Protein backbone atom coordinates (compact mmCIF):
# COMPACT_ATOMS: atom_id res chain seq x y z
CA PHE A 1 -90.66 71.79 30.13
CA MET A 2 -91.68 75.95 29.62
CA THR A 3 -92.50 76.02 33.18
CA GLU A 4 -88.81 75.36 33.66
CA ALA A 5 -86.93 77.11 31.71
CA SER A 6 -89.06 80.35 32.58
CA ARG A 7 -87.24 79.48 36.27
CA TYR A 8 -83.80 80.08 34.22
CA ILE A 9 -85.55 82.86 32.17
CA GLY A 10 -87.70 84.43 34.17
CA ASN A 11 -86.60 88.27 34.81
CA THR A 12 -83.00 88.09 32.90
CA ILE A 13 -84.15 89.44 29.85
CA ASP A 14 -85.19 93.23 29.47
CA VAL A 15 -85.17 93.91 26.02
CA PRO A 16 -87.59 96.56 24.68
CA ALA A 17 -90.30 95.49 21.74
CA GLY A 18 -88.44 96.02 18.18
CA ASP A 19 -84.83 95.63 19.62
CA ILE A 20 -82.52 92.60 19.42
CA GLY A 21 -85.08 90.17 20.97
CA VAL A 22 -84.59 86.09 21.31
CA GLY A 23 -81.05 85.15 20.72
CA GLY A 24 -78.59 82.41 21.20
CA ARG A 25 -78.45 83.16 24.79
CA GLU A 26 -82.64 82.58 25.10
CA ILE A 27 -82.22 79.30 23.22
CA GLY A 28 -79.47 78.35 25.35
CA TYR A 29 -81.28 78.36 29.04
CA MET A 30 -84.23 76.37 26.93
CA PHE A 31 -82.21 73.97 25.49
CA GLY A 32 -80.53 73.48 28.80
CA GLN A 33 -83.94 72.82 30.36
CA TYR A 34 -84.94 70.55 27.37
CA LYS A 35 -81.85 68.08 27.64
CA ARG A 36 -81.65 67.80 31.62
CA LEU A 37 -85.84 67.09 31.58
CA THR A 38 -85.25 64.62 28.92
CA GLY A 39 -82.29 63.31 28.42
CA SER A 40 -81.95 63.81 25.07
CA PHE A 41 -79.83 65.99 22.61
CA GLU A 42 -81.85 66.51 19.66
CA GLY A 43 -82.46 69.71 17.11
CA VAL A 44 -86.01 70.33 18.41
CA LEU A 45 -84.85 74.21 18.89
CA THR A 46 -82.72 75.78 16.14
CA GLY A 47 -80.54 79.58 16.61
CA LYS A 48 -78.57 77.18 18.82
CA GLY A 49 -75.12 78.15 19.85
CA LEU A 50 -72.03 76.80 17.72
CA LYS A 51 -70.77 75.05 20.16
CA TRP A 52 -73.95 72.90 20.91
CA GLY A 53 -75.22 71.97 17.44
CA GLY A 54 -76.09 75.66 16.05
CA SER A 55 -75.41 76.63 12.35
CA LEU A 56 -72.88 79.14 11.18
CA ALA A 57 -74.99 81.97 9.21
CA ARG A 58 -78.40 81.21 10.85
CA LYS A 59 -78.08 84.40 13.22
CA GLU A 60 -77.73 86.47 9.54
CA ALA A 61 -80.34 84.13 7.32
CA THR A 62 -83.25 86.37 7.52
CA GLY A 63 -81.76 89.41 6.77
CA TYR A 64 -79.70 87.48 3.66
CA GLY A 65 -82.50 85.67 2.34
CA ASN A 66 -84.16 88.82 2.26
CA VAL A 67 -81.86 90.46 0.30
CA TYR A 68 -81.60 87.50 -2.06
CA PHE A 69 -84.99 87.62 -2.59
CA ALA A 70 -85.21 91.19 -3.52
CA SER A 71 -82.38 90.54 -5.82
CA ASN A 72 -84.38 87.96 -7.77
CA MET A 73 -87.15 90.37 -7.88
CA LEU A 74 -85.04 92.90 -9.45
CA LYS A 75 -83.78 90.70 -12.09
CA ALA A 76 -86.76 89.63 -12.89
CA ARG A 77 -87.26 93.71 -14.16
CA GLY A 78 -83.94 93.34 -15.73
CA LEU A 79 -82.50 95.68 -13.00
CA ASP A 80 -79.43 94.81 -10.26
CA MET A 81 -78.79 96.07 -6.77
CA ASP A 82 -75.71 97.82 -7.48
CA GLY A 83 -75.76 101.69 -6.46
CA LYS A 84 -79.50 101.70 -5.21
CA VAL A 85 -80.70 103.33 -2.04
CA CYS A 86 -82.55 101.41 0.38
CA ALA A 87 -84.63 102.17 3.97
CA VAL A 88 -84.47 99.60 6.59
CA SER A 89 -86.63 99.65 9.70
CA GLY A 90 -85.05 97.68 12.72
CA SER A 91 -81.98 97.20 13.81
CA GLY A 92 -82.22 93.80 15.26
CA ASN A 93 -80.77 90.36 13.59
CA VAL A 94 -82.84 90.89 10.55
CA ALA A 95 -82.23 94.34 9.90
CA ILE A 96 -78.52 94.46 10.91
CA TYR A 97 -77.80 91.48 8.39
CA THR A 98 -79.31 92.92 5.56
CA VAL A 99 -77.63 96.03 5.83
CA GLU A 100 -74.90 93.63 5.63
CA LYS A 101 -75.71 91.73 2.26
CA LEU A 102 -76.89 95.29 0.98
CA TYR A 103 -73.70 96.13 0.90
CA GLN A 104 -71.95 92.96 -0.18
CA MET A 105 -74.60 93.42 -3.60
CA GLY A 106 -73.21 96.95 -3.68
CA ALA A 107 -76.17 98.67 -2.46
CA LYS A 108 -76.71 101.43 0.27
CA PRO A 109 -78.69 101.55 2.57
CA VAL A 110 -79.38 104.83 4.55
CA THR A 111 -81.99 104.08 7.42
CA VAL A 112 -81.94 102.21 11.07
CA SER A 113 -84.64 102.58 13.91
CA ASP A 114 -85.83 101.07 16.57
CA SER A 115 -88.27 101.39 19.28
CA ARG A 116 -86.61 104.49 20.61
CA GLY A 117 -86.46 106.19 17.24
CA CYS A 118 -84.64 106.30 13.95
CA VAL A 119 -81.55 107.05 12.12
CA TYR A 120 -81.14 108.52 8.74
CA HIS A 121 -77.09 108.34 7.78
CA GLU A 122 -76.98 109.97 4.28
CA ALA A 123 -73.80 108.24 3.53
CA GLY A 124 -74.48 104.81 4.44
CA ILE A 125 -75.53 102.98 7.17
CA ASN A 126 -71.65 102.46 9.22
CA LEU A 127 -72.50 98.76 9.81
CA GLU A 128 -69.40 98.62 12.17
CA ALA A 129 -71.09 101.36 14.75
CA LEU A 130 -74.44 99.49 14.21
CA LYS A 131 -73.06 96.54 15.33
CA GLN A 132 -71.48 97.66 18.52
CA VAL A 133 -74.19 99.39 19.54
CA LYS A 134 -76.65 96.98 19.00
CA GLU A 135 -74.84 93.93 19.57
CA THR A 136 -72.10 94.72 22.04
CA GLU A 137 -73.67 97.73 24.21
CA ARG A 138 -76.89 97.08 23.00
CA ALA A 139 -77.89 100.42 23.55
CA SER A 140 -80.23 102.99 21.74
CA LEU A 141 -79.74 104.35 18.46
CA SER A 142 -79.06 107.55 19.84
CA ARG A 143 -75.79 106.02 20.60
CA TYR A 144 -75.30 105.48 17.05
CA ALA A 145 -75.51 109.06 16.00
CA GLU A 146 -73.05 110.12 18.66
CA LEU A 147 -70.45 107.85 17.06
CA CYS A 148 -71.38 109.07 13.65
CA LYS A 149 -71.67 112.75 13.62
CA ASP A 150 -72.78 113.20 10.36
CA ALA A 151 -75.86 110.80 11.03
CA LYS A 152 -79.66 112.24 11.90
CA TYR A 153 -81.33 110.22 15.17
CA ILE A 154 -84.75 111.35 15.39
CA PRO A 155 -86.98 110.13 18.38
CA ALA A 156 -89.96 107.83 18.15
CA LYS A 157 -91.79 110.97 20.11
CA ASP A 158 -91.34 113.08 17.00
CA TYR A 159 -92.31 111.20 14.13
CA PRO A 160 -95.71 112.86 12.65
CA LYS A 161 -98.69 110.84 13.21
CA GLY A 162 -99.76 107.58 10.94
CA GLN A 163 -95.79 108.13 9.45
CA HIS A 164 -92.35 106.79 9.87
CA PRO A 165 -89.05 108.76 8.67
CA VAL A 166 -87.44 105.59 7.69
CA TRP A 167 -90.15 105.73 4.70
CA ASN A 168 -90.09 109.12 3.93
CA VAL A 169 -86.44 109.37 2.54
CA PRO A 170 -85.32 109.30 -0.95
CA CYS A 171 -84.79 105.12 -1.75
CA GLN A 172 -85.04 102.77 -4.40
CA LEU A 173 -85.67 99.81 -2.24
CA ALA A 174 -87.02 99.07 1.22
CA PHE A 175 -86.96 96.88 3.26
CA PRO A 176 -89.38 96.63 6.59
CA SER A 177 -87.81 94.55 9.23
CA ALA A 178 -88.86 95.45 12.54
CA THR A 179 -92.26 94.64 13.46
CA GLN A 180 -95.92 94.30 12.11
CA ASN A 181 -98.05 96.91 10.81
CA GLU A 182 -94.90 98.88 10.72
CA VAL A 183 -95.59 100.34 7.33
CA THR A 184 -98.86 102.43 6.65
CA GLY A 185 -101.08 104.14 3.82
CA GLU A 186 -99.27 107.06 4.39
CA ASP A 187 -95.35 105.55 4.81
CA ALA A 188 -96.44 104.01 1.41
CA ALA A 189 -97.62 107.26 -0.04
CA ASN A 190 -94.29 108.34 1.07
CA LEU A 191 -91.96 105.78 -0.08
CA ILE A 192 -93.98 105.69 -4.21
CA LYS A 193 -93.93 109.55 -3.77
CA ASN A 194 -89.67 109.18 -3.27
CA GLY A 195 -89.32 106.78 -5.81
CA CYS A 196 -89.42 103.34 -4.35
CA LEU A 197 -89.17 100.11 -6.85
CA LEU A 198 -89.54 97.56 -4.72
CA VAL A 199 -90.49 96.61 -0.80
CA SER A 200 -89.29 93.76 0.66
CA GLU A 201 -90.43 92.54 4.01
CA GLY A 202 -88.23 90.98 6.66
CA ALA A 203 -90.35 91.48 9.38
CA ASN A 204 -93.27 89.19 9.64
CA MET A 205 -96.42 91.21 7.69
CA PRO A 206 -94.93 94.36 8.11
CA SER A 207 -97.47 96.33 5.47
CA LEU A 208 -100.79 97.10 6.42
CA PRO A 209 -103.52 95.89 3.90
CA GLU A 210 -103.65 99.86 2.43
CA ALA A 211 -99.91 99.69 2.38
CA VAL A 212 -99.85 96.68 0.13
CA GLU A 213 -102.62 97.37 -2.47
CA ALA A 214 -100.74 101.07 -2.53
CA PHE A 215 -97.31 99.13 -3.64
CA GLN A 216 -99.18 96.42 -6.23
CA GLN A 217 -101.66 99.56 -7.92
CA ALA A 218 -98.13 101.70 -7.96
CA GLY A 219 -96.40 98.80 -10.11
CA ILE A 220 -93.93 98.67 -7.15
CA ALA A 221 -92.29 94.87 -6.36
CA PHE A 222 -93.90 93.53 -3.53
CA GLY A 223 -91.82 90.91 -1.55
CA PRO A 224 -94.84 89.89 0.93
CA ALA A 225 -93.11 88.30 4.34
CA LYS A 226 -93.80 85.12 3.66
CA CYS A 227 -91.85 84.56 0.66
CA ALA A 228 -89.51 87.01 1.64
CA ASN A 229 -88.07 86.82 4.97
CA ALA A 230 -88.41 82.63 4.74
CA GLY A 231 -84.44 82.16 5.00
CA GLY A 232 -84.65 82.33 8.49
CA VAL A 233 -87.25 79.48 9.11
CA ALA A 234 -85.29 77.66 5.83
CA THR A 235 -81.69 77.83 7.62
CA SER A 236 -83.31 76.32 10.38
CA GLN A 237 -84.09 73.50 8.88
CA LEU A 238 -80.51 73.44 7.33
CA GLU A 239 -79.69 73.43 11.30
CA MET A 240 -81.61 70.22 11.94
CA ALA A 241 -80.35 68.88 8.74
CA GLN A 242 -76.78 69.00 10.40
CA ASN A 243 -77.52 68.07 13.40
CA ALA A 244 -79.53 64.73 11.61
CA SER A 245 -76.20 64.27 9.85
CA MET A 246 -73.74 65.41 12.84
CA GLN A 247 -72.30 68.03 10.45
CA ALA A 248 -71.28 71.06 10.87
CA TRP A 249 -71.23 72.91 7.59
CA THR A 250 -69.23 75.87 6.44
CA PHE A 251 -70.83 79.49 6.36
CA GLU A 252 -70.51 79.47 2.58
CA GLU A 253 -72.31 75.90 2.31
CA VAL A 254 -75.31 77.57 4.13
CA ASP A 255 -75.16 80.77 2.81
CA SER A 256 -74.92 79.31 -0.96
CA ARG A 257 -77.95 76.93 0.13
CA LEU A 258 -80.01 79.85 1.52
CA LYS A 259 -79.40 81.72 -1.47
CA ASN A 260 -80.60 78.85 -3.68
CA ILE A 261 -84.07 78.23 -1.62
CA MET A 262 -84.76 82.21 -1.43
CA ALA A 263 -84.26 81.69 -6.03
CA ASN A 264 -86.49 78.69 -5.43
CA ILE A 265 -89.24 80.17 -3.51
CA PHE A 266 -89.17 83.66 -6.03
CA THR A 267 -89.50 81.33 -8.77
CA ALA A 268 -92.64 79.16 -7.47
CA ALA A 269 -94.10 82.84 -6.86
CA HIS A 270 -93.41 84.09 -9.75
CA SER A 271 -94.05 81.44 -12.21
CA THR A 272 -97.21 80.70 -10.09
CA ALA A 273 -98.52 83.97 -10.53
CA GLU A 274 -97.97 84.31 -14.10
CA GLU A 275 -100.04 81.05 -14.17
CA PHE A 276 -102.79 82.45 -13.02
CA GLY A 277 -102.81 85.75 -14.90
CA ALA A 278 -101.25 87.83 -12.53
CA PRO A 279 -97.59 88.70 -13.20
CA GLY A 280 -95.61 89.81 -10.63
CA ASN A 281 -98.11 89.64 -8.05
CA TYR A 282 -96.31 87.53 -5.88
CA VAL A 283 -98.86 87.66 -2.82
CA LEU A 284 -100.69 85.99 -5.28
CA GLY A 285 -98.16 83.95 -6.33
CA GLY A 286 -96.85 82.64 -3.14
CA ASN A 287 -100.29 82.17 -1.52
CA ILE A 288 -101.32 79.88 -4.16
CA ALA A 289 -97.95 77.95 -4.30
CA GLY A 290 -97.85 77.15 -0.55
CA PHE A 291 -101.56 76.34 -1.03
CA ARG A 292 -101.12 73.86 -3.68
CA LYS A 293 -98.04 71.81 -2.09
CA VAL A 294 -100.07 71.22 0.91
CA ALA A 295 -103.24 70.21 -1.01
CA ASP A 296 -101.61 68.29 -3.49
CA ALA A 297 -99.56 66.37 -0.47
CA MET A 298 -102.82 65.46 1.78
CA ILE A 299 -104.50 64.39 -1.54
CA GLU A 300 -101.82 61.94 -2.54
CA GLN A 301 -101.77 60.46 1.18
CA GLY A 302 -105.37 60.37 0.86
CA LEU A 303 -106.18 62.65 3.39
CA TYR A 304 -109.04 65.47 1.77
């Protein structure tokens, strides 16, 4: 299947690392070949186009879900997102829809990045311009700075060694949403110094171990990727549920279910951390809650 699909994908995709990545076009090629080879139409691939079994809100799900998880972390501390300044890395689906949901919840995102540089827009990221640059033009963020004259663009070649400028701006909330291992110990120190209250991971394991340790020692609310960025795969399951029942839910229905799923993930991590004597440690709480769910299922099925 992958060999056949590669004939169609081959050299047609030229996306720099840390930018847009795999989307509906690429899934379309693979799903078309799957159908051709098997003669079946099943929910074996998610992120499909809306005309052929995809789900509304799937593109937005990881970013939206991350913000929902962050909102739950803040609520546990008696806080909310209203008026909070936010640093976001990345400029693909996760980052774009993190920015969108942050605005919907009253916060102000001021940074985005790609593999070639980053933008600091103190007045707030212009979501329409960001979507034009990344979803329509598929251009560098230097183009964003051309569209938004009051934004500052910093090329990657000018970054200080071991530091990313995205994490060295005044902010209360941080959302690493670009790539693995992007937040260093120096970045963590800069975030703490600049008054950051919360870090919630939209990318897969974006914070190095020393950064995670620094956040926890500083008492910052830290949402690990295994919890905070689960919205994407959760909505893939919702897509499969729609396929299995031959239904197409509204955007609002999918988003509502996603919000509840993220609240349940937070509750599991939060309550488990408290149960094991580490309140607020969502790394420990998420690890134990996930392991225990799988282990209990194995024991109940006689697999141990």
